[in-house]
Structure formats: C-alpha cells, structure tokens
N, C-alpha and C. Protein backbone atom coordinates (compact mmCIF):
# COMPACT_ATOMS: atom_id res chain seq x y z
N UNK A 1 46.54 31.64 120.78
CA UNK A 1 45.06 31.33 120.61
C UNK A 1 45.36 30.27 119.37
N UNK A 2 46.01 30.65 118.24
CA UNK A 2 45.95 29.85 117.19
C UNK A 2 46.57 28.58 117.29
N UNK A 3 47.61 28.55 118.15
CA UNK A 3 48.37 27.36 118.44
C UNK A 3 47.49 26.28 119.27
N UNK A 4 46.69 26.95 120.12
CA UNK A 4 45.83 26.01 120.76
C UNK A 4 44.69 25.45 119.93
N UNK A 5 44.20 26.33 119.08
CA UNK A 5 43.12 25.64 118.17
C UNK A 5 43.86 24.66 117.13
N UNK A 6 45.03 24.82 116.90
CA UNK A 6 45.57 24.00 115.94
C UNK A 6 45.76 22.72 116.48
N UNK A 7 46.26 22.52 117.91
CA UNK A 7 46.26 21.38 118.62
C UNK A 7 45.05 20.73 118.94
N UNK A 8 44.07 21.47 119.25
CA UNK A 8 42.63 20.90 119.30
C UNK A 8 42.37 20.19 118.19
N UNK A 9 42.45 21.05 116.95
CA UNK A 9 42.02 20.32 115.78
C UNK A 9 42.71 19.13 115.43
N UNK A 10 44.11 19.06 115.67
CA UNK A 10 44.87 17.92 115.45
C UNK A 10 44.37 16.70 116.17
N UNK A 11 43.99 16.92 117.61
CA UNK A 11 43.47 15.79 118.51
C UNK A 11 42.14 15.54 118.03
N UNK A 12 41.02 16.36 117.69
CA UNK A 12 39.81 15.89 117.01
C UNK A 12 39.93 15.07 115.84
N UNK A 13 40.86 15.50 114.94
CA UNK A 13 41.06 14.68 113.80
C UNK A 13 41.57 13.48 114.04
N UNK A 14 42.65 13.22 114.95
CA UNK A 14 42.96 12.00 115.27
C UNK A 14 42.02 11.11 115.97
N UNK A 15 41.15 11.66 116.75
CA UNK A 15 40.07 10.82 117.48
C UNK A 15 39.05 10.20 116.43
N UNK A 16 38.71 11.33 115.39
CA UNK A 16 37.82 10.71 114.37
C UNK A 16 38.52 9.63 113.55
N UNK A 17 39.84 9.92 113.11
CA UNK A 17 40.57 8.73 112.46
C UNK A 17 40.35 7.49 113.27
N UNK A 18 40.77 7.53 114.48
CA UNK A 18 40.69 6.30 115.32
C UNK A 18 39.45 5.68 115.39
N UNK A 19 38.46 6.53 115.58
CA UNK A 19 36.97 6.07 115.47
C UNK A 19 36.57 5.35 114.40
N UNK A 20 37.00 6.02 113.29
CA UNK A 20 36.51 5.40 111.83
C UNK A 20 37.19 4.19 111.57
N UNK A 21 38.49 3.97 111.95
CA UNK A 21 39.03 2.58 111.68
C UNK A 21 38.59 1.56 112.72
N UNK A 22 38.30 2.16 113.96
CA UNK A 22 37.88 1.05 114.83
C UNK A 22 36.69 0.46 114.58
N UNK A 23 35.87 1.25 113.71
CA UNK A 23 34.60 0.46 113.24
C UNK A 23 34.62 -0.44 112.37
N UNK A 24 35.89 -0.60 111.83
CA UNK A 24 36.21 -2.05 110.99
C UNK A 24 35.78 -3.20 111.90
N UNK A 25 35.95 -3.04 113.10
CA UNK A 25 35.58 -4.23 113.98
C UNK A 25 34.44 -4.72 113.78
N UNK A 26 33.41 -3.97 113.43
CA UNK A 26 31.93 -4.30 113.03
C UNK A 26 31.94 -5.57 112.09
N UNK A 27 32.81 -5.47 111.01
CA UNK A 27 32.82 -6.41 109.99
C UNK A 27 33.15 -7.91 110.63
N UNK A 28 33.79 -8.11 111.66
CA UNK A 28 34.18 -9.45 112.04
C UNK A 28 33.00 -10.18 112.85
N UNK A 29 31.84 -9.36 113.01
CA UNK A 29 30.76 -9.91 113.63
C UNK A 29 30.76 -9.90 115.27
N UNK A 30 31.90 -9.58 115.80
CA UNK A 30 31.92 -9.46 117.42
C UNK A 30 32.23 -8.05 117.79
N UNK A 31 31.28 -7.51 118.38
CA UNK A 31 31.41 -6.07 118.81
C UNK A 31 32.47 -5.79 119.63
N UNK A 32 33.16 -6.59 120.36
CA UNK A 32 34.39 -6.48 121.21
C UNK A 32 35.73 -5.96 120.10
N UNK A 33 35.40 -6.58 118.96
CA UNK A 33 36.78 -6.25 118.08
C UNK A 33 36.72 -4.69 117.79
N UNK A 34 35.57 -4.08 117.98
CA UNK A 34 35.68 -2.46 117.75
C UNK A 34 36.75 -2.04 118.75
N UNK A 35 36.65 -2.35 119.96
CA UNK A 35 37.61 -2.02 121.02
C UNK A 35 38.93 -2.45 120.68
N UNK A 36 38.99 -3.64 120.27
CA UNK A 36 40.51 -4.34 119.71
C UNK A 36 41.15 -3.46 118.81
N UNK A 37 40.32 -3.00 117.67
CA UNK A 37 40.76 -2.15 116.55
C UNK A 37 41.21 -0.65 116.99
N UNK A 38 40.42 -0.38 117.88
CA UNK A 38 40.55 1.18 118.49
C UNK A 38 41.89 1.02 119.17
N UNK A 39 42.03 -0.04 120.12
CA UNK A 39 43.29 -0.12 120.91
C UNK A 39 44.45 -0.34 119.96
N UNK A 40 44.52 -1.07 119.01
CA UNK A 40 45.44 -1.30 117.92
C UNK A 40 45.94 0.12 117.43
N UNK A 41 44.81 0.93 116.87
CA UNK A 41 45.24 2.08 116.37
C UNK A 41 45.82 3.17 117.18
N UNK A 42 45.34 3.18 118.42
CA UNK A 42 45.79 4.08 119.43
C UNK A 42 47.28 3.72 119.67
N UNK A 43 47.77 2.46 119.73
CA UNK A 43 49.05 2.05 119.91
C UNK A 43 49.86 2.63 118.75
N UNK A 44 49.42 2.36 117.41
CA UNK A 44 50.12 2.65 116.38
C UNK A 44 50.39 4.13 116.35
N UNK A 45 49.19 4.92 116.77
CA UNK A 45 49.30 6.32 116.59
C UNK A 45 50.35 6.95 117.80
N UNK A 46 50.25 6.24 118.74
CA UNK A 46 51.19 6.51 120.00
C UNK A 46 52.76 6.36 119.42
N UNK A 47 52.96 5.26 118.84
CA UNK A 47 54.21 4.88 118.40
C UNK A 47 54.72 5.87 117.23
N UNK A 48 53.86 6.26 116.45
CA UNK A 48 54.09 7.40 115.33
C UNK A 48 54.39 8.50 116.09
N UNK A 49 53.61 9.05 117.01
CA UNK A 49 53.79 10.40 117.74
C UNK A 49 55.28 10.41 118.33
N UNK A 50 55.71 9.25 119.06
CA UNK A 50 56.85 9.16 119.71
C UNK A 50 58.10 9.17 118.61
N UNK A 51 57.90 8.43 117.61
CA UNK A 51 58.75 8.53 116.59
C UNK A 51 59.13 9.96 116.02
N UNK A 52 57.82 10.73 115.54
CA UNK A 52 58.22 12.01 114.93
C UNK A 52 58.62 12.95 116.14
N UNK A 53 58.28 12.83 117.39
CA UNK A 53 58.76 13.73 118.41
C UNK A 53 60.07 13.71 118.64
N UNK A 54 60.57 12.16 118.49
CA UNK A 54 62.07 12.02 118.80
C UNK A 54 62.87 12.70 117.65
N UNK A 55 62.21 12.49 116.43
CA UNK A 55 63.10 12.97 115.27
C UNK A 55 62.82 14.50 114.81
N UNK A 56 62.01 15.18 115.66
CA UNK A 56 61.65 16.59 115.12
C UNK A 56 62.37 17.63 116.09
N UNK A 57 62.58 18.69 115.36
CA UNK A 57 63.13 19.85 116.09
C UNK A 57 62.75 21.05 115.26
N UNK A 58 62.02 21.92 116.43
CA UNK A 58 61.60 23.12 115.96
C UNK A 58 60.63 23.00 114.48
N UNK A 59 59.71 22.12 114.45
CA UNK A 59 58.99 21.89 113.36
C UNK A 59 59.50 21.33 112.17
N UNK A 60 60.77 21.09 112.21
CA UNK A 60 61.58 20.45 110.96
C UNK A 60 62.01 19.12 111.30
N UNK A 61 61.59 18.25 110.34
CA UNK A 61 62.15 16.76 110.64
C UNK A 61 63.73 16.90 110.30
N UNK A 62 64.48 16.21 111.32
CA UNK A 62 66.03 15.97 111.07
C UNK A 62 66.20 14.90 110.20
N UNK A 63 67.12 15.18 109.59
CA UNK A 63 67.49 14.14 108.49
C UNK A 63 67.78 12.79 109.07
N UNK A 64 67.27 11.77 108.73
CA UNK A 64 67.42 10.22 109.34
C UNK A 64 68.73 10.00 108.82
N UNK A 65 69.53 9.16 109.70
CA UNK A 65 70.90 8.72 109.47
C UNK A 65 70.79 7.69 108.51
N UNK A 66 69.93 6.76 108.75
CA UNK A 66 69.85 5.61 107.91
C UNK A 66 68.35 5.55 107.03
N UNK A 67 68.43 5.79 105.78
CA UNK A 67 67.35 5.78 105.02
C UNK A 67 66.97 4.39 104.60
N UNK A 68 67.77 3.43 104.83
CA UNK A 68 67.39 2.05 104.42
C UNK A 68 66.15 1.73 105.15
N UNK A 69 66.38 1.91 106.49
CA UNK A 69 65.22 1.58 107.52
C UNK A 69 63.91 2.25 107.00
N UNK A 70 63.79 3.57 106.46
CA UNK A 70 62.81 4.11 105.98
C UNK A 70 62.19 3.37 104.83
N UNK A 71 63.03 2.83 103.96
CA UNK A 71 62.55 2.31 102.57
C UNK A 71 62.13 0.93 103.02
N UNK A 72 62.96 0.15 103.99
CA UNK A 72 62.21 -1.08 104.33
C UNK A 72 60.89 -1.02 104.80
N UNK A 73 60.58 0.02 105.85
CA UNK A 73 59.26 0.05 106.52
C UNK A 73 58.12 0.59 105.50
N UNK A 74 58.60 1.40 104.48
CA UNK A 74 57.67 1.58 103.47
C UNK A 74 57.33 0.64 102.53
N UNK A 75 58.43 -0.26 102.25
CA UNK A 75 57.97 -1.49 101.49
C UNK A 75 57.10 -2.65 102.23
N UNK A 76 57.50 -2.61 103.30
CA UNK A 76 56.41 -3.49 104.24
C UNK A 76 55.18 -2.96 104.25
N UNK A 77 55.06 -1.83 104.47
CA UNK A 77 53.71 -0.89 104.47
C UNK A 77 52.94 -1.18 103.16
N UNK A 78 53.61 -1.15 102.05
CA UNK A 78 52.98 -1.24 100.72
C UNK A 78 52.66 -2.78 100.62
N UNK A 79 53.42 -3.68 101.04
CA UNK A 79 53.06 -5.17 101.07
C UNK A 79 51.77 -5.44 101.79
N UNK A 80 51.74 -4.83 103.01
CA UNK A 80 50.69 -5.02 103.89
C UNK A 80 49.24 -4.43 103.15
N UNK A 81 49.47 -3.36 102.63
CA UNK A 81 48.44 -2.75 102.00
C UNK A 81 47.71 -3.50 100.80
N UNK A 82 48.86 -4.09 100.29
CA UNK A 82 48.55 -5.10 99.08
C UNK A 82 47.60 -6.34 99.55
N UNK A 83 48.20 -6.69 100.69
CA UNK A 83 47.59 -8.09 101.36
C UNK A 83 46.34 -7.98 102.02
N UNK A 84 46.03 -6.48 102.51
CA UNK A 84 44.85 -6.49 103.36
C UNK A 84 43.27 -6.84 102.72
N UNK A 85 43.18 -6.38 101.51
CA UNK A 85 42.02 -6.98 101.05
C UNK A 85 41.69 -8.34 100.86
N UNK A 86 42.90 -9.13 100.42
CA UNK A 86 42.93 -10.68 100.22
C UNK A 86 42.55 -11.16 101.88
N UNK A 87 43.43 -10.69 102.72
CA UNK A 87 43.27 -11.28 104.08
C UNK A 87 41.70 -10.81 104.46
N UNK A 88 41.19 -9.66 104.45
CA UNK A 88 40.00 -9.24 104.79
C UNK A 88 38.96 -10.15 104.30
N UNK A 89 38.86 -10.45 102.94
CA UNK A 89 37.91 -11.14 102.29
C UNK A 89 37.85 -12.53 102.61
N UNK A 90 39.11 -13.11 102.77
CA UNK A 90 39.11 -14.62 103.28
C UNK A 90 39.03 -14.76 104.72
N UNK A 91 39.18 -14.03 105.55
CA UNK A 91 39.05 -14.26 107.07
C UNK A 91 38.07 -13.58 107.58
N UNK A 92 37.18 -12.55 106.97
CA UNK A 92 36.05 -11.89 107.66
C UNK A 92 34.94 -12.00 106.72
N UNK A 93 33.94 -12.07 107.22
CA UNK A 93 32.59 -11.88 106.36
C UNK A 93 32.27 -10.55 106.02
N UNK A 94 33.03 -9.92 105.04
CA UNK A 94 32.64 -8.73 104.65
C UNK A 94 31.57 -8.58 103.99
N UNK A 95 31.15 -9.47 103.11
CA UNK A 95 29.97 -9.49 102.26
C UNK A 95 29.85 -11.06 101.78
N UNK A 96 28.69 -11.33 101.20
CA UNK A 96 28.32 -12.73 100.97
C UNK A 96 28.98 -12.98 99.32
N UNK A 97 29.91 -14.02 99.37
CA UNK A 97 30.43 -14.25 97.92
C UNK A 97 29.66 -15.40 97.38
N UNK A 98 28.89 -16.06 98.09
CA UNK A 98 28.13 -17.36 97.64
C UNK A 98 29.07 -18.37 97.34
N UNK A 99 30.09 -18.42 97.98
CA UNK A 99 31.39 -19.56 97.54
C UNK A 99 31.44 -20.23 99.09
N UNK A 100 31.67 -21.70 98.73
CA UNK A 100 31.86 -22.36 100.04
C UNK A 100 33.40 -22.11 100.70
N UNK A 101 34.29 -22.06 99.65
CA UNK A 101 35.66 -21.73 100.17
C UNK A 101 36.24 -20.89 99.32
N UNK A 102 37.14 -19.97 99.62
CA UNK A 102 37.65 -18.74 98.75
C UNK A 102 39.07 -19.60 98.13
N UNK A 103 39.09 -19.69 96.84
CA UNK A 103 40.30 -20.40 96.25
C UNK A 103 41.52 -19.39 96.17
N UNK A 104 42.64 -20.02 95.90
CA UNK A 104 43.84 -19.34 95.57
C UNK A 104 43.72 -18.38 94.38
N UNK A 105 42.90 -18.92 93.25
CA UNK A 105 42.69 -18.10 92.07
C UNK A 105 41.95 -16.80 92.50
N UNK A 106 40.91 -16.87 93.34
CA UNK A 106 40.23 -15.50 93.86
C UNK A 106 41.05 -14.64 94.46
N UNK A 107 41.83 -15.37 95.49
CA UNK A 107 42.92 -14.24 96.20
C UNK A 107 43.91 -13.77 95.18
N UNK A 108 44.34 -14.36 94.20
CA UNK A 108 45.11 -13.77 93.21
C UNK A 108 44.53 -12.59 92.40
N UNK A 109 43.34 -12.81 92.21
CA UNK A 109 42.35 -11.93 91.44
C UNK A 109 42.41 -10.48 92.28
N UNK A 110 42.01 -10.81 93.59
CA UNK A 110 41.92 -9.80 94.64
C UNK A 110 43.24 -8.93 94.76
N UNK A 111 44.28 -9.74 94.77
CA UNK A 111 45.81 -9.05 94.92
C UNK A 111 46.01 -8.10 93.83
N UNK A 112 45.61 -8.87 92.30
CA UNK A 112 45.93 -8.10 91.16
C UNK A 112 45.04 -6.85 90.98
N UNK A 113 43.72 -6.89 91.52
CA UNK A 113 42.92 -5.65 91.35
C UNK A 113 43.49 -4.68 92.43
N UNK A 114 44.05 -5.09 93.62
CA UNK A 114 44.34 -4.19 94.39
C UNK A 114 45.70 -3.52 93.88
N UNK A 115 46.56 -4.17 93.37
CA UNK A 115 47.66 -3.62 92.80
C UNK A 115 47.45 -2.66 91.73
N UNK A 116 46.30 -3.10 90.94
CA UNK A 116 46.01 -2.13 89.78
C UNK A 116 45.40 -0.94 90.32
N UNK A 117 44.38 -1.00 91.33
CA UNK A 117 43.80 0.11 91.91
C UNK A 117 45.00 1.11 92.38
N UNK A 118 45.88 0.52 93.34
CA UNK A 118 46.84 1.24 93.96
C UNK A 118 47.70 2.22 92.68
N UNK A 119 48.13 1.41 91.85
CA UNK A 119 48.82 1.98 90.56
C UNK A 119 48.00 2.96 90.02
N UNK A 120 46.82 2.77 89.84
CA UNK A 120 46.11 3.91 89.12
C UNK A 120 45.82 5.19 89.95
N UNK A 121 45.78 4.89 91.17
CA UNK A 121 45.53 6.33 92.17
C UNK A 121 46.81 6.83 92.30
N UNK A 122 48.05 6.11 92.25
CA UNK A 122 49.20 6.78 92.46
C UNK A 122 49.41 7.52 91.18
N UNK A 123 49.00 7.02 89.91
CA UNK A 123 49.03 7.69 88.69
C UNK A 123 48.28 9.04 88.84
N UNK A 124 47.01 8.89 89.34
CA UNK A 124 46.21 10.13 89.34
C UNK A 124 46.76 11.20 90.26
N UNK A 125 47.35 10.71 91.39
CA UNK A 125 48.06 11.75 92.15
C UNK A 125 49.08 12.38 91.55
N UNK A 126 50.05 11.49 90.96
CA UNK A 126 51.19 12.02 90.19
C UNK A 126 50.65 13.11 89.13
N UNK A 127 49.72 12.87 88.32
CA UNK A 127 49.26 13.80 87.46
C UNK A 127 48.84 15.19 88.02
N UNK A 128 48.08 14.98 89.22
CA UNK A 128 47.70 16.17 89.90
C UNK A 128 48.88 17.07 90.44
N UNK A 129 49.73 16.38 90.98
CA UNK A 129 50.79 17.04 91.85
C UNK A 129 52.19 17.25 90.95
N UNK A 130 52.38 16.90 89.99
CA UNK A 130 53.45 16.84 88.93
C UNK A 130 53.78 18.38 88.70
N UNK A 131 55.02 18.61 89.03
CA UNK A 131 55.60 20.06 88.86
C UNK A 131 55.36 20.41 87.21
N UNK A 132 54.68 21.48 87.07
CA UNK A 132 54.38 22.05 85.76
C UNK A 132 53.20 21.38 85.18
N UNK A 133 52.42 20.69 85.87
CA UNK A 133 51.22 19.82 85.50
C UNK A 133 50.28 20.81 84.86
N UNK A 134 49.71 20.70 83.58
CA UNK A 134 48.69 21.41 82.90
C UNK A 134 47.48 21.20 83.43
N UNK A 135 46.38 21.95 83.30
CA UNK A 135 45.04 21.85 84.00
C UNK A 135 44.49 20.52 83.40
N UNK A 136 44.70 20.18 82.02
CA UNK A 136 44.34 18.91 81.48
C UNK A 136 44.75 17.76 82.13
N UNK A 137 45.99 17.78 82.67
CA UNK A 137 46.90 16.63 83.38
C UNK A 137 46.12 16.62 84.72
N UNK A 138 45.71 17.59 85.34
CA UNK A 138 45.22 17.75 86.61
C UNK A 138 43.71 17.19 86.69
N UNK A 139 42.91 17.73 85.73
CA UNK A 139 41.66 17.19 85.39
C UNK A 139 41.63 15.46 85.19
N UNK A 140 42.58 15.19 84.45
CA UNK A 140 42.64 13.71 84.14
C UNK A 140 43.06 12.99 85.37
N UNK A 141 43.85 13.57 86.30
CA UNK A 141 44.30 12.75 87.57
C UNK A 141 42.96 12.75 88.38
N UNK A 142 42.35 13.79 88.50
CA UNK A 142 41.00 13.62 89.37
C UNK A 142 39.95 12.74 88.79
N UNK A 143 39.92 12.82 87.51
CA UNK A 143 38.85 11.83 86.81
C UNK A 143 39.39 10.38 87.23
N UNK A 144 40.58 10.19 87.01
CA UNK A 144 41.20 8.79 87.38
C UNK A 144 40.81 8.32 88.77
N UNK A 145 41.11 9.27 89.45
CA UNK A 145 40.81 8.61 91.05
C UNK A 145 39.45 8.71 91.33
N UNK A 146 38.45 9.61 90.80
CA UNK A 146 37.16 9.47 90.98
C UNK A 146 36.44 8.16 90.39
N UNK A 147 37.01 7.84 89.16
CA UNK A 147 36.65 6.62 88.68
C UNK A 147 36.86 5.41 89.34
N UNK A 148 38.25 5.34 89.74
CA UNK A 148 38.83 4.31 90.62
C UNK A 148 38.13 4.11 91.92
N UNK A 149 37.76 5.05 92.40
CA UNK A 149 37.08 5.11 93.74
C UNK A 149 35.64 4.28 93.64
N UNK A 150 35.19 4.29 92.50
CA UNK A 150 33.84 3.37 92.35
C UNK A 150 34.00 2.03 92.35
N UNK A 151 35.36 1.43 91.91
CA UNK A 151 35.47 0.22 91.73
C UNK A 151 35.29 -0.73 92.81
N UNK A 152 35.44 -0.52 94.05
CA UNK A 152 35.24 -1.40 95.13
C UNK A 152 33.50 -1.67 95.18
N UNK A 153 32.88 -0.78 94.92
CA UNK A 153 31.40 -0.79 95.17
C UNK A 153 31.12 -1.73 93.98
N UNK A 154 31.47 -1.39 92.68
CA UNK A 154 31.04 -2.11 91.43
C UNK A 154 31.35 -3.50 91.51
N UNK A 155 32.59 -3.85 92.36
CA UNK A 155 32.94 -5.28 92.41
C UNK A 155 32.08 -6.06 93.56
N UNK A 156 31.41 -5.24 94.51
CA UNK A 156 30.79 -5.91 95.58
C UNK A 156 29.34 -5.86 95.33
N UNK A 157 28.89 -5.06 94.44
CA UNK A 157 27.38 -4.98 94.34
C UNK A 157 26.78 -6.34 93.68
N UNK A 158 27.45 -6.97 92.81
CA UNK A 158 26.96 -8.25 92.41
C UNK A 158 26.79 -9.33 93.26
N UNK A 159 27.50 -9.23 94.47
CA UNK A 159 27.44 -10.31 95.69
C UNK A 159 26.74 -9.78 96.63
N UNK A 160 26.80 -8.42 96.94
CA UNK A 160 26.02 -8.09 98.25
C UNK A 160 25.72 -6.35 98.05
N UNK A 161 24.26 -6.22 97.91
CA UNK A 161 23.97 -4.84 97.86
C UNK A 161 23.61 -4.13 99.09
N UNK A 162 23.99 -4.62 100.06
CA UNK A 162 23.72 -4.03 101.44
C UNK A 162 24.60 -2.97 101.55
N UNK A 163 24.09 -1.79 102.52
CA UNK A 163 25.14 -1.02 102.82
C UNK A 163 26.22 -1.36 103.57
N UNK A 164 25.96 -2.32 104.28
CA UNK A 164 26.85 -3.23 105.25
C UNK A 164 28.13 -3.59 104.50
N UNK A 165 27.72 -4.47 103.42
CA UNK A 165 28.79 -4.90 102.53
C UNK A 165 29.65 -3.69 101.78
N UNK A 166 28.86 -3.02 101.24
CA UNK A 166 29.62 -1.89 100.38
C UNK A 166 30.49 -0.98 101.47
N UNK A 167 30.00 -0.73 102.65
CA UNK A 167 30.52 0.14 103.56
C UNK A 167 31.97 -0.67 103.99
N UNK A 168 31.62 -1.88 104.33
CA UNK A 168 32.94 -2.65 104.95
C UNK A 168 34.05 -2.58 103.77
N UNK A 169 33.74 -2.78 102.48
CA UNK A 169 34.72 -2.74 101.58
C UNK A 169 35.30 -1.39 101.37
N UNK A 170 34.69 -0.44 101.73
CA UNK A 170 35.28 0.85 101.66
C UNK A 170 36.08 1.42 102.92
N UNK A 171 35.75 0.69 104.00
CA UNK A 171 36.67 0.67 105.13
C UNK A 171 37.98 0.20 104.80
N UNK A 172 38.00 -1.11 104.26
CA UNK A 172 39.33 -1.70 103.77
C UNK A 172 39.98 -1.01 102.81
N UNK A 173 39.23 -0.22 101.82
CA UNK A 173 39.94 0.64 100.75
C UNK A 173 40.64 1.68 101.49
N UNK A 174 39.97 2.38 102.34
CA UNK A 174 40.56 3.51 102.95
C UNK A 174 41.80 3.06 103.80
N UNK A 175 41.66 2.06 104.44
CA UNK A 175 42.96 1.36 105.17
C UNK A 175 44.11 1.21 104.17
N UNK A 176 43.65 0.71 103.19
CA UNK A 176 44.64 0.45 101.92
C UNK A 176 45.45 1.68 101.43
N UNK A 177 44.34 2.87 101.27
CA UNK A 177 44.85 3.99 100.75
C UNK A 177 45.81 4.74 101.75
N UNK A 178 45.52 4.49 103.07
CA UNK A 178 46.31 5.28 104.01
C UNK A 178 47.65 4.65 103.89
N UNK A 179 47.66 3.27 103.97
CA UNK A 179 49.03 2.56 104.02
C UNK A 179 49.79 2.58 102.90
N UNK A 180 49.07 2.71 101.70
CA UNK A 180 49.69 2.85 100.49
C UNK A 180 50.64 4.24 100.41
N UNK A 181 49.67 5.27 100.78
CA UNK A 181 50.40 6.66 100.70
C UNK A 181 51.43 6.72 101.81
N UNK A 182 51.28 6.32 103.03
CA UNK A 182 52.23 6.52 104.05
C UNK A 182 53.58 5.49 103.50
N UNK A 183 53.16 4.30 102.91
CA UNK A 183 54.39 3.47 102.67
C UNK A 183 55.21 4.13 101.46
N UNK A 184 54.47 4.54 100.51
CA UNK A 184 55.04 5.25 99.33
C UNK A 184 55.89 6.44 99.84
N UNK A 185 55.30 7.18 100.87
CA UNK A 185 56.09 8.38 101.21
C UNK A 185 57.18 8.02 101.92
N UNK A 186 57.30 6.90 102.81
CA UNK A 186 58.57 6.43 103.38
C UNK A 186 59.52 5.89 102.25
N UNK A 187 59.03 5.12 101.42
CA UNK A 187 59.83 4.69 100.48
C UNK A 187 60.63 5.53 99.43
N UNK A 188 59.80 6.60 99.05
CA UNK A 188 60.20 7.62 98.20
C UNK A 188 60.92 8.94 98.80
N UNK A 189 61.03 8.95 100.21
CA UNK A 189 61.39 10.07 100.95
C UNK A 189 62.83 10.45 100.49
N UNK A 190 62.94 11.61 100.14
CA UNK A 190 64.43 12.18 99.66
C UNK A 190 64.70 13.24 100.55
N UNK A 191 65.77 12.95 101.52
CA UNK A 191 66.26 13.95 102.47
C UNK A 191 67.14 14.96 101.63
C-alpha cells in the first residue's frame, strides 16, 4: 500500500509541476501557449523518465560510463538558466518596462543580476547543507535565500505593480532555479 501511495504522490506532484510551468504560457498573451508549454514539459519529463529508467537498477543509479556528457548537459542547463530571464523579458511582455526597445545594456544587466542571484542562492544552499555546518551558518544560509527571493519582486515593482507582472517574473525565477539546481547537480555529480 505504501508503494502505491508513493507512486500516486509522485504522479500528482509531477502533474502539479507541469501545470505550474505550463501557466507560463499566459505571459505570452496567447492562451494556446499554455498547451504548448504543457506539451513541452510533458516531453521533457518523459525523456527524463526514460533516461532514469534506463540507467536505474533496484532504486540505485548505475554509474555512468561517460561523466563528460553529464558535465556538458549540466553546463548547457546552467547557461540556459542564465539566458532565460533576458530572453523572457526581451521576447515576452512580462511587465511594462516603459521602453521602446530593450537595449544590449539592459540585457547585460539582467544577465548580471541573474548570475548574482544564482550565485547567492548556491551560497545559501551550501551554507545550509555543508557538512558540519553550525546553526549560525544554516540560519545565515536561510536568510540569504529569503532575502534573494524578494529581489525579483523588488526589481519589477517600479515598472509594474500588478500581480500578473510580479507573478510572471516569479514563474521565470522558479524555472531558473529548477534549471540551475538540475544543471549544477549534473555538473558536480561525483560517482
């Protein structure tokens, strides 16, 4: 019975994950994009499932023969995570910037802020999970993550105070966080 509940819980979690990310299609202004995003994430999750199933044996991942592939995929995912906010702001109407055209300088600032936020969150997680970490380090790690999680809203509020604008930026932030964590895990994976 526990195995069945575990599987049902995983399926429900996966459906909620796909639903949440498919709602990113709302920011494009075209409702059909919700289905496009949902289809994209279903395909990605299917590929992940097949990859894990192929490389898994009795709930233990078998050592991969070529770690270079994992490192390359991890780096690509980190680069995609860095690029997503700039691409989203330049190609989608997430919020009103009151600009005619988004310049290269603004894109560079967005990329720099994204990298700084990613590095800060990685530092916070490191402080929390470091072996032998003291309570002070753990508390500092949580404080860093909490403070950095407010940055996307603080950057958007001067331009767009609507919940749609702020919520859209947090959808992008969650996508960046997931890709960063996944990419970093692949890159730093030690068998």
